[in-house]
Amino acid sequence: MFEADYKNFSFPKHSHDYYAFGTVLNGAEQFTTRGTNYVAARGQLLMMNPMQVHDGSPASDDGYQYQIMFIDPKVFGDLVAEMSPKNTGLPFFGSCVVNDPELHLQLQNLHRLFRPNEDGSASLLERDSQLLYSAARFALRHADAPPYFYQPGAEDKRVKTVIDYMAAHLDANISLDDLAVLTGISRFHLLRVFRAATGLPPHTYFNHMRLRRAKRLLFDGESIADAAAATGFADQSHLNRHFKAMWGVSPGAFIAGLDRKP
């Protein structure tokens, strides 16, 4: 669960390795994905598929306030299997902005249940039930057919080889020559193939992988300095600059806003 109020911050082009479902509480956000420009205003829902490249910025003078729910593809796939055992794929959401007033209110209630410093009145059963219900409604009401077969990096075997290598060397200073030798194609050809498959050039994709890993380490209790070292950033300050540019908050602010209760 994530919530934020952005006045001037703009997200650069990036992607997530999970689903993102959000609702706009105030203002409006504009973003571009798959060559289409969208504006999500107050009361509307946002939906983003895993590894879907997009940006984001305020579409009103007052910025925008929103709440986001992130779901791992495997978790979402298990949910879909519970609802429809014959459906073997993952949901795909072709419409990134939709109107669903009932689900808009449902997401707000869900965030209240998970908000840090809550009085503890929400039981684990209530949290689980409301989370399952919200995710199911997204899949049943707004997913396209046929199901989406999401495999990170499977668009091209050479791209998958590069992504796997990056994942295993997050703390290394990888060169384009290294990746070209790894795949057996020229550097220029690799750049074209990689960008066509992922929507991002290799260096941007690699940096996003490192930031996502650093974010996970921070969530798991690692220090900022250790997270920076484990993901190839020169020092804590270096991680801080990239982290804030990506998500609009510093690693310290991210840690301060965490709720690690079960």
C-alpha atoms as a PDB file:
ATOM      1  CA  MET A   1       0.000   0.000   0.000  1.00  0.00           C
ATOM      2  CA  PHE A   2       1.291   3.457  -0.902  1.00  0.00           C
ATOM      3  CA  GLU A   3      -0.238   6.910  -0.685  1.00  0.00           C
ATOM      4  CA  ALA A   4       1.181  10.293  -1.633  1.00  0.00           C
ATOM      5  CA  ASP A   5       0.359  13.919  -2.355  1.00  0.00           C
ATOM      6  CA  TYR A   6       2.435  15.309  -5.243  1.00  0.00           C
ATOM      7  CA  LYS A   7       2.426  19.024  -6.047  1.00  0.00           C
ATOM      8  CA  ASN A   8       5.282  19.421  -8.515  1.00  0.00           C
ATOM      9  CA  PHE A   9       7.036  16.039  -8.693  1.00  0.00           C
ATOM     10  CA  SER A  10       7.090  14.198 -12.035  1.00  0.00           C
ATOM     11  CA  PHE A  11       7.894  10.509 -12.372  1.00  0.00           C
ATOM     12  CA  PRO A  12      10.397   9.624 -15.107  1.00  0.00           C
ATOM     13  CA  LYS A  13       9.639   6.745 -17.461  1.00  0.00           C
ATOM     14  CA  HIS A  14       9.720   3.557 -15.415  1.00  0.00           C
ATOM     15  CA  SER A  15       7.977   0.228 -14.859  1.00  0.00           C
ATOM     16  CA  HIS A  16       7.079  -2.048 -11.949  1.00  0.00           C
ATOM     17  CA  ASP A  17       7.421  -5.808 -11.723  1.00  0.00           C
ATOM     18  CA  TYR A  18       3.984  -5.938 -10.110  1.00  0.00           C
ATOM     19  CA  TYR A  19       0.441  -4.736 -10.752  1.00  0.00           C
ATOM     20  CA  ALA A  20      -0.447  -1.217  -9.597  1.00  0.00           C
ATOM     21  CA  PHE A  21      -4.031  -0.231  -8.808  1.00  0.00           C
ATOM     22  CA  GLY A  22      -4.791   3.234  -7.527  1.00  0.00           C
ATOM     23  CA  THR A  23      -7.467   5.816  -6.950  1.00  0.00           C
ATOM     24  CA  VAL A  24      -7.172   9.595  -7.211  1.00  0.00           C
ATOM     25  CA  LEU A  25      -8.433  11.392  -4.103  1.00  0.00           C
ATOM     26  CA  ASN A  26      -7.846  14.989  -5.215  1.00  0.00           C
ATOM     27  CA  GLY A  27      -6.523  16.835  -8.245  1.00  0.00           C
ATOM     28  CA  ALA A  28      -5.498  14.997 -11.408  1.00  0.00           C
ATOM     29  CA  GLU A  29      -2.516  13.042 -12.725  1.00  0.00           C
ATOM     30  CA  GLN A  30      -1.416  12.802 -16.343  1.00  0.00           C
ATOM     31  CA  PHE A  31       0.758  10.029 -17.761  1.00  0.00           C
ATOM     32  CA  THR A  32       1.776   8.397 -21.021  1.00  0.00           C
ATOM     33  CA  THR A  33       1.990   4.654 -21.617  1.00  0.00           C
ATOM     34  CA  ARG A  34       2.037   2.516 -24.766  1.00  0.00           C
ATOM     35  CA  GLY A  35       1.893   5.688 -26.869  1.00  0.00           C
ATOM     36  CA  THR A  36      -1.335   6.974 -25.296  1.00  0.00           C
ATOM     37  CA  ASN A  37      -1.801  10.015 -23.055  1.00  0.00           C
ATOM     38  CA  TYR A  38      -4.120   9.652 -20.049  1.00  0.00           C
ATOM     39  CA  VAL A  39      -5.517  11.972 -17.381  1.00  0.00           C
ATOM     40  CA  ALA A  40      -6.899  10.489 -14.152  1.00  0.00           C
ATOM     41  CA  ALA A  41      -9.011  12.920 -12.157  1.00  0.00           C
ATOM     42  CA  ARG A  42     -10.542  12.793  -8.701  1.00  0.00           C
ATOM     43  CA  GLY A  43     -12.625   9.668  -8.170  1.00  0.00           C
ATOM     44  CA  GLN A  44     -11.110   7.740 -11.080  1.00  0.00           C
ATOM     45  CA  LEU A  45      -9.095   4.516 -10.894  1.00  0.00           C
ATOM     46  CA  LEU A  46      -5.606   3.854 -12.271  1.00  0.00           C
ATOM     47  CA  MET A  47      -4.503   0.414 -13.457  1.00  0.00           C
ATOM     48  CA  MET A  48      -1.015  -0.609 -14.591  1.00  0.00           C
ATOM     49  CA  ASN A  49       0.230  -4.035 -15.706  1.00  0.00           C
ATOM     50  CA  PRO A  50       3.604  -5.505 -14.681  1.00  0.00           C
ATOM     51  CA  MET A  51       6.542  -4.070 -16.650  1.00  0.00           C
ATOM     52  CA  GLN A  52       4.324  -1.499 -18.409  1.00  0.00           C
ATOM     53  CA  VAL A  53       6.485   1.576 -18.993  1.00  0.00           C
ATOM     54  CA  HIS A  54       4.857   4.859 -17.973  1.00  0.00           C
ATOM     55  CA  ASP A  55       5.603   8.290 -16.551  1.00  0.00           C
ATOM     56  CA  GLY A  56       3.479  10.589 -14.382  1.00  0.00           C
ATOM     57  CA  SER A  57       3.024  14.251 -13.462  1.00  0.00           C
ATOM     58  CA  PRO A  58       0.394  16.642 -12.080  1.00  0.00           C
ATOM     59  CA  ALA A  59      -2.407  17.605 -14.458  1.00  0.00           C
ATOM     60  CA  SER A  60      -3.751  20.406 -12.262  1.00  0.00           C
ATOM     61  CA  ASP A  61      -2.300  23.402 -10.458  1.00  0.00           C
ATOM     62  CA  ASP A  62      -2.958  21.738  -7.097  1.00  0.00           C
ATOM     63  CA  GLY A  63      -1.123  18.545  -8.061  1.00  0.00           C
ATOM     64  CA  TYR A  64      -2.755  15.261  -7.139  1.00  0.00           C
ATOM     65  CA  GLN A  65      -3.257  12.981  -4.170  1.00  0.00           C
ATOM     66  CA  TYR A  66      -3.643   9.253  -4.687  1.00  0.00           C
ATOM     67  CA  GLN A  67      -3.544   5.839  -3.054  1.00  0.00           C
ATOM     68  CA  ILE A  68      -1.939   2.816  -4.739  1.00  0.00           C
ATOM     69  CA  MET A  69      -2.173  -0.919  -4.100  1.00  0.00           C
ATOM     70  CA  PHE A  70       0.688  -3.045  -5.483  1.00  0.00           C
ATOM     71  CA  ILE A  71       0.178  -6.784  -6.066  1.00  0.00           C
ATOM     72  CA  ASP A  72       2.809  -9.345  -7.051  1.00  0.00           C
ATOM     73  CA  PRO A  73       1.854 -11.133 -10.319  1.00  0.00           C
ATOM     74  CA  LYS A  74       2.068 -14.552  -8.667  1.00  0.00           C
ATOM     75  CA  VAL A  75      -0.252 -13.454  -5.868  1.00  0.00           C
ATOM     76  CA  PHE A  76      -2.679 -11.995  -8.384  1.00  0.00           C
ATOM     77  CA  GLY A  77      -2.461 -15.151 -10.503  1.00  0.00           C
ATOM     78  CA  ASP A  78      -3.305 -17.310  -7.491  1.00  0.00           C
ATOM     79  CA  LEU A  79      -6.293 -15.071  -6.800  1.00  0.00           C
ATOM     80  CA  VAL A  80      -7.560 -15.429 -10.375  1.00  0.00           C
ATOM     81  CA  ALA A  81      -7.136 -19.205 -10.143  1.00  0.00           C
ATOM     82  CA  GLU A  82      -9.316 -19.205  -7.022  1.00  0.00           C
ATOM     83  CA  MET A  83     -12.036 -17.264  -8.803  1.00  0.00           C
ATOM     84  CA  SER A  84     -11.790 -19.109 -12.123  1.00  0.00           C
ATOM     85  CA  PRO A  85      -9.784 -22.395 -12.080  1.00  0.00           C
ATOM     86  CA  LYS A  86     -10.011 -22.726 -15.881  1.00  0.00           C
ATOM     87  CA  ASN A  87      -8.369 -19.340 -16.422  1.00  0.00           C
ATOM     88  CA  THR A  88      -4.647 -20.138 -16.509  1.00  0.00           C
ATOM     89  CA  GLY A  89      -3.304 -16.689 -17.424  1.00  0.00           C
ATOM     90  CA  LEU A  90      -2.915 -13.412 -15.596  1.00  0.00           C
ATOM     91  CA  PRO A  91      -5.351 -10.524 -16.008  1.00  0.00           C
ATOM     92  CA  PHE A  92      -4.389  -7.821 -18.476  1.00  0.00           C
ATOM     93  CA  PHE A  93      -5.726  -4.277 -18.107  1.00  0.00           C
ATOM     94  CA  GLY A  94      -5.937  -2.446 -21.421  1.00  0.00           C
ATOM     95  CA  SER A  95      -7.764   0.593 -20.032  1.00  0.00           C
ATOM     96  CA  CYS A  96      -5.459   2.456 -17.668  1.00  0.00           C
ATOM     97  CA  VAL A  97      -8.120   4.865 -16.342  1.00  0.00           C
ATOM     98  CA  VAL A  98     -11.689   3.830 -15.490  1.00  0.00           C
ATOM     99  CA  ASN A  99     -14.694   5.061 -13.528  1.00  0.00           C
ATOM    100  CA  ASP A 100     -15.918   2.806 -10.722  1.00  0.00           C
ATOM    101  CA  PRO A 101     -17.255   4.857  -7.772  1.00  0.00           C
ATOM    102  CA  GLU A 102     -17.910   1.781  -5.650  1.00  0.00           C
ATOM    103  CA  LEU A 103     -14.374   0.454  -6.044  1.00  0.00           C
ATOM    104  CA  HIS A 104     -12.990   3.965  -5.509  1.00  0.00           C
ATOM    105  CA  LEU A 105     -14.558   3.982  -2.031  1.00  0.00           C
ATOM    106  CA  GLN A 106     -13.518   0.371  -1.433  1.00  0.00           C
ATOM    107  CA  LEU A 107      -9.854   1.234  -2.018  1.00  0.00           C
ATOM    108  CA  GLN A 108     -10.030   4.155   0.397  1.00  0.00           C
ATOM    109  CA  ASN A 109     -11.429   1.865   3.071  1.00  0.00           C
ATOM    110  CA  LEU A 110      -8.712  -0.699   2.352  1.00  0.00           C
ATOM    111  CA  HIS A 111      -6.000   1.908   2.837  1.00  0.00           C
ATOM    112  CA  ARG A 112      -7.523   2.953   6.148  1.00  0.00           C
ATOM    113  CA  LEU A 113      -7.261  -0.644   7.346  1.00  0.00           C
ATOM    114  CA  PHE A 114      -3.555  -0.795   6.478  1.00  0.00           C
ATOM    115  CA  ARG A 115      -2.546   2.737   7.457  1.00  0.00           C
ATOM    116  CA  PRO A 116       0.336   2.978   9.989  1.00  0.00           C
ATOM    117  CA  ASN A 117      -0.521   4.048  13.539  1.00  0.00           C
ATOM    118  CA  GLU A 118      -4.058   2.733  13.180  1.00  0.00           C
ATOM    119  CA  ASP A 119      -5.718   2.013  16.525  1.00  0.00           C
ATOM    120  CA  GLY A 120      -5.552  -1.727  15.903  1.00  0.00           C
ATOM    121  CA  SER A 121      -9.298  -2.174  15.565  1.00  0.00           C
ATOM    122  CA  ALA A 122      -8.944  -3.814  12.148  1.00  0.00           C
ATOM    123  CA  SER A 123      -8.509  -7.558  12.494  1.00  0.00           C
ATOM    124  CA  LEU A 124      -6.246  -9.627  10.267  1.00  0.00           C
ATOM    125  CA  LEU A 125      -9.369 -11.346   8.951  1.00  0.00           C
ATOM    126  CA  GLU A 126     -10.894  -8.002   7.964  1.00  0.00           C
ATOM    127  CA  ARG A 127      -7.709  -6.881   6.243  1.00  0.00           C
ATOM    128  CA  ASP A 128      -7.378 -10.142   4.296  1.00  0.00           C
ATOM    129  CA  SER A 129     -11.032 -10.128   3.308  1.00  0.00           C
ATOM    130  CA  GLN A 130     -11.059  -6.529   2.086  1.00  0.00           C
ATOM    131  CA  LEU A 131      -7.776  -6.950   0.212  1.00  0.00           C
ATOM    132  CA  LEU A 132      -9.044 -10.074  -1.552  1.00  0.00           C
ATOM    133  CA  TYR A 133     -12.355  -8.431  -2.342  1.00  0.00           C
ATOM    134  CA  SER A 134     -10.715  -5.331  -3.842  1.00  0.00           C
ATOM    135  CA  ALA A 135      -8.309  -7.310  -6.010  1.00  0.00           C
ATOM    136  CA  ALA A 136     -11.085  -9.608  -7.196  1.00  0.00           C
ATOM    137  CA  ARG A 137     -13.234  -6.669  -8.248  1.00  0.00           C
ATOM    138  CA  PHE A 138     -10.407  -5.239 -10.347  1.00  0.00           C
ATOM    139  CA  ALA A 139      -9.975  -8.577 -12.125  1.00  0.00           C
ATOM    140  CA  LEU A 140     -13.683  -9.304 -12.614  1.00  0.00           C
ATOM    141  CA  ARG A 141     -14.806  -5.800 -13.589  1.00  0.00           C
ATOM    142  CA  HIS A 142     -11.923  -4.297 -15.501  1.00  0.00           C
ATOM    143  CA  ALA A 143      -9.542  -6.972 -16.853  1.00  0.00           C
ATOM    144  CA  ASP A 144      -9.488  -7.670 -20.577  1.00  0.00           C
ATOM    145  CA  ALA A 145      -9.752 -11.087 -22.199  1.00  0.00           C
ATOM    146  CA  PRO A 146      -7.930 -13.236 -23.103  1.00  0.00           C
ATOM    147  CA  PRO A 147      -5.693 -13.513 -20.023  1.00  0.00           C
ATOM    148  CA  TYR A 148      -2.263 -11.969 -20.042  1.00  0.00           C
ATOM    149  CA  PHE A 149       0.679 -14.379 -19.965  1.00  0.00           C
ATOM    150  CA  TYR A 150       3.270 -12.276 -18.193  1.00  0.00           C
ATOM    151  CA  GLN A 151       6.826 -13.594 -18.119  1.00  0.00           C
ATOM    152  CA  PRO A 152       9.450 -10.986 -17.156  1.00  0.00           C
ATOM    153  CA  GLY A 153      11.990 -10.727 -19.956  1.00  0.00           C
ATOM    154  CA  ALA A 154      10.465 -13.527 -22.042  1.00  0.00           C
ATOM    155  CA  GLU A 155       9.775 -11.236 -25.005  1.00  0.00           C
ATOM    156  CA  ASP A 156      13.135 -12.183 -26.509  1.00  0.00           C
ATOM    157  CA  LYS A 157      15.612 -14.836 -25.343  1.00  0.00           C
ATOM    158  CA  ARG A 158      18.485 -12.401 -25.668  1.00  0.00           C
ATOM    159  CA  VAL A 159      16.630  -9.839 -23.575  1.00  0.00           C
ATOM    160  CA  LYS A 160      15.898 -12.448 -20.927  1.00  0.00           C
ATOM    161  CA  THR A 161      19.586 -13.371 -20.856  1.00  0.00           C
ATOM    162  CA  VAL A 162      20.492  -9.728 -20.275  1.00  0.00           C
ATOM    163  CA  ILE A 163      17.842  -9.228 -17.575  1.00  0.00           C
ATOM    164  CA  ASP A 164      18.927 -12.387 -15.744  1.00  0.00           C
ATOM    165  CA  TYR A 165      22.551 -11.227 -15.877  1.00  0.00           C
ATOM    166  CA  MET A 166      21.604  -7.789 -14.565  1.00  0.00           C
ATOM    167  CA  ALA A 167      19.624  -9.329 -11.708  1.00  0.00           C
ATOM    168  CA  ALA A 168      22.655 -11.385 -10.688  1.00  0.00           C
ATOM    169  CA  HIS A 169      25.031  -8.409 -10.847  1.00  0.00           C
ATOM    170  CA  LEU A 170      23.139  -5.520  -9.290  1.00  0.00           C
ATOM    171  CA  ASP A 171      26.241  -4.356  -7.435  1.00  0.00           C
ATOM    172  CA  ALA A 172      28.462  -4.408 -10.552  1.00  0.00           C
ATOM    173  CA  ASN A 173      29.381  -1.675 -13.034  1.00  0.00           C
ATOM    174  CA  ILE A 174      28.111  -3.489 -16.138  1.00  0.00           C
ATOM    175  CA  SER A 175      29.188  -2.228 -19.566  1.00  0.00           C
ATOM    176  CA  LEU A 176      27.339  -2.449 -22.869  1.00  0.00           C
ATOM    177  CA  ASP A 177      30.277  -4.463 -24.204  1.00  0.00           C
ATOM    178  CA  ASP A 178      29.681  -7.046 -21.456  1.00  0.00           C
ATOM    179  CA  LEU A 179      26.074  -7.457 -22.527  1.00  0.00           C
ATOM    180  CA  ALA A 180      26.885  -7.568 -26.233  1.00  0.00           C
ATOM    181  CA  VAL A 181      29.396 -10.382 -25.664  1.00  0.00           C
ATOM    182  CA  LEU A 182      26.859 -12.171 -23.479  1.00  0.00           C
ATOM    183  CA  THR A 183      24.200 -12.155 -26.215  1.00  0.00           C
ATOM    184  CA  GLY A 184      26.459 -12.511 -29.240  1.00  0.00           C
ATOM    185  CA  ILE A 185      25.029  -9.479 -31.052  1.00  0.00           C
ATOM    186  CA  SER A 186      26.360  -5.982 -31.701  1.00  0.00           C
ATOM    187  CA  ARG A 187      25.925  -3.231 -29.133  1.00  0.00           C
ATOM    188  CA  PHE A 188      23.652  -1.241 -31.440  1.00  0.00           C
ATOM    189  CA  HIS A 189      21.495  -4.280 -32.224  1.00  0.00           C
ATOM    190  CA  LEU A 190      21.254  -5.083 -28.525  1.00  0.00           C
ATOM    191  CA  LEU A 191      20.057  -1.559 -27.733  1.00  0.00           C
ATOM    192  CA  ARG A 192      17.325  -1.827 -30.370  1.00  0.00           C
ATOM    193  CA  VAL A 193      16.198  -5.314 -29.321  1.00  0.00           C
ATOM    194  CA  PHE A 194      16.190  -4.486 -25.617  1.00  0.00           C
ATOM    195  CA  ARG A 195      14.258  -1.257 -25.979  1.00  0.00           C
ATOM    196  CA  ALA A 196      11.721  -2.851 -28.318  1.00  0.00           C
ATOM    197  CA  ALA A 197      11.084  -5.609 -25.772  1.00  0.00           C
ATOM    198  CA  THR A 198      11.015  -3.597 -22.540  1.00  0.00           C
ATOM    199  CA  GLY A 199      10.299  -0.008 -23.546  1.00  0.00           C
ATOM    200  CA  LEU A 200      13.493   1.184 -21.839  1.00  0.00           C
ATOM    201  CA  PRO A 201      17.198   1.261 -22.737  1.00  0.00           C
ATOM    202  CA  PRO A 202      19.398  -1.212 -20.808  1.00  0.00           C
ATOM    203  CA  HIS A 203      20.999   1.372 -18.507  1.00  0.00           C
ATOM    204  CA  THR A 204      17.619   2.753 -17.395  1.00  0.00           C
ATOM    205  CA  TYR A 205      16.175  -0.720 -16.908  1.00  0.00           C
ATOM    206  CA  PHE A 206      19.220  -1.763 -14.862  1.00  0.00           C
ATOM    207  CA  ASN A 207      18.983   1.314 -12.661  1.00  0.00           C
ATOM    208  CA  HIS A 208      15.310   0.601 -12.017  1.00  0.00           C
ATOM    209  CA  MET A 209      16.162  -2.980 -11.044  1.00  0.00           C
ATOM    210  CA  ARG A 210      18.706  -1.696  -8.549  1.00  0.00           C
ATOM    211  CA  LEU A 211      16.262   0.811  -7.082  1.00  0.00           C
ATOM    212  CA  ARG A 212      13.525  -1.797  -6.705  1.00  0.00           C
ATOM    213  CA  ARG A 213      15.987  -4.089  -4.948  1.00  0.00           C
ATOM    214  CA  ALA A 214      17.150  -1.266  -2.666  1.00  0.00           C
ATOM    215  CA  LYS A 215      13.535  -0.492  -1.827  1.00  0.00           C
ATOM    216  CA  ARG A 216      12.952  -4.141  -0.923  1.00  0.00           C
ATOM    217  CA  LEU A 217      16.050  -4.200   1.287  1.00  0.00           C
ATOM    218  CA  LEU A 218      14.915  -1.063   3.109  1.00  0.00           C
ATOM    219  CA  PHE A 219      11.492  -2.580   3.655  1.00  0.00           C
ATOM    220  CA  ASP A 220      13.150  -5.694   5.101  1.00  0.00           C
ATOM    221  CA  GLY A 221      15.050  -3.596   7.639  1.00  0.00           C
ATOM    222  CA  GLU A 222      18.454  -3.035   6.003  1.00  0.00           C
ATOM    223  CA  SER A 223      20.177   0.296   6.572  1.00  0.00           C
ATOM    224  CA  ILE A 224      20.352   2.843   3.767  1.00  0.00           C
ATOM    225  CA  ALA A 225      24.137   2.438   3.574  1.00  0.00           C
ATOM    226  CA  ASP A 226      23.903  -1.369   3.305  1.00  0.00           C
ATOM    227  CA  ALA A 227      21.142  -1.150   0.704  1.00  0.00           C
ATOM    228  CA  ALA A 228      23.273   1.244  -1.346  1.00  0.00           C
ATOM    229  CA  ALA A 229      26.297  -1.067  -1.195  1.00  0.00           C
ATOM    230  CA  ALA A 230      24.260  -4.147  -2.119  1.00  0.00           C
ATOM    231  CA  THR A 231      22.806  -2.510  -5.213  1.00  0.00           C
ATOM    232  CA  GLY A 232      25.867  -0.853  -6.707  1.00  0.00           C
ATOM    233  CA  PHE A 233      25.354   2.750  -5.646  1.00  0.00           C
ATOM    234  CA  ALA A 234      28.533   4.613  -4.762  1.00  0.00           C
ATOM    235  CA  ASP A 235      27.281   5.631  -1.328  1.00  0.00           C
ATOM    236  CA  GLN A 236      24.188   6.545   0.658  1.00  0.00           C
ATOM    237  CA  SER A 237      23.964   9.970  -0.983  1.00  0.00           C
ATOM    238  CA  HIS A 238      24.095   8.418  -4.454  1.00  0.00           C
ATOM    239  CA  LEU A 239      21.183   6.100  -3.617  1.00  0.00           C
ATOM    240  CA  ASN A 240      19.291   8.998  -2.056  1.00  0.00           C
ATOM    241  CA  ARG A 241      19.441  11.067  -5.269  1.00  0.00           C
ATOM    242  CA  HIS A 242      18.245   8.255  -7.512  1.00  0.00           C
ATOM    243  CA  PHE A 243      15.620   7.008  -5.057  1.00  0.00           C
ATOM    244  CA  LYS A 244      14.068  10.460  -4.673  1.00  0.00           C
ATOM    245  CA  ALA A 245      14.129  11.082  -8.421  1.00  0.00           C
ATOM    246  CA  MET A 246      12.243   7.818  -8.972  1.00  0.00           C
ATOM    247  CA  TRP A 247       9.627   7.930  -6.204  1.00  0.00           C
ATOM    248  CA  GLY A 248       9.589  11.507  -4.947  1.00  0.00           C
ATOM    249  CA  VAL A 249      10.679  10.593  -1.419  1.00  0.00           C
ATOM    250  CA  SER A 250      14.078   9.945   0.146  1.00  0.00           C
ATOM    251  CA  PRO A 251      15.013   6.491   1.490  1.00  0.00           C
ATOM    252  CA  GLY A 252      14.761   7.924   5.003  1.00  0.00           C
ATOM    253  CA  ALA A 253      11.228   9.194   4.386  1.00  0.00           C
ATOM    254  CA  PHE A 254      10.302   5.852   2.837  1.00  0.00           C
ATOM    255  CA  ILE A 255      11.503   3.997   5.948  1.00  0.00           C
ATOM    256  CA  ALA A 256       9.677   6.436   8.220  1.00  0.00           C
ATOM    257  CA  GLY A 257       6.403   5.780   6.407  1.00  0.00           C
ATOM    258  CA  LEU A 258       6.583   1.981   6.556  1.00  0.00           C
ATOM    259  CA  ASP A 259       4.095  -0.199   8.361  1.00  0.00           C
ATOM    260  CA  ARG A 260       5.548  -3.672   8.851  1.00  0.00           C
ATOM    261  CA  LYS A 261       2.692  -5.033  10.947  1.00  0.00           C
ATOM    262  CA  PRO A 262       1.341  -8.350   9.606  1.00  0.00           C
END
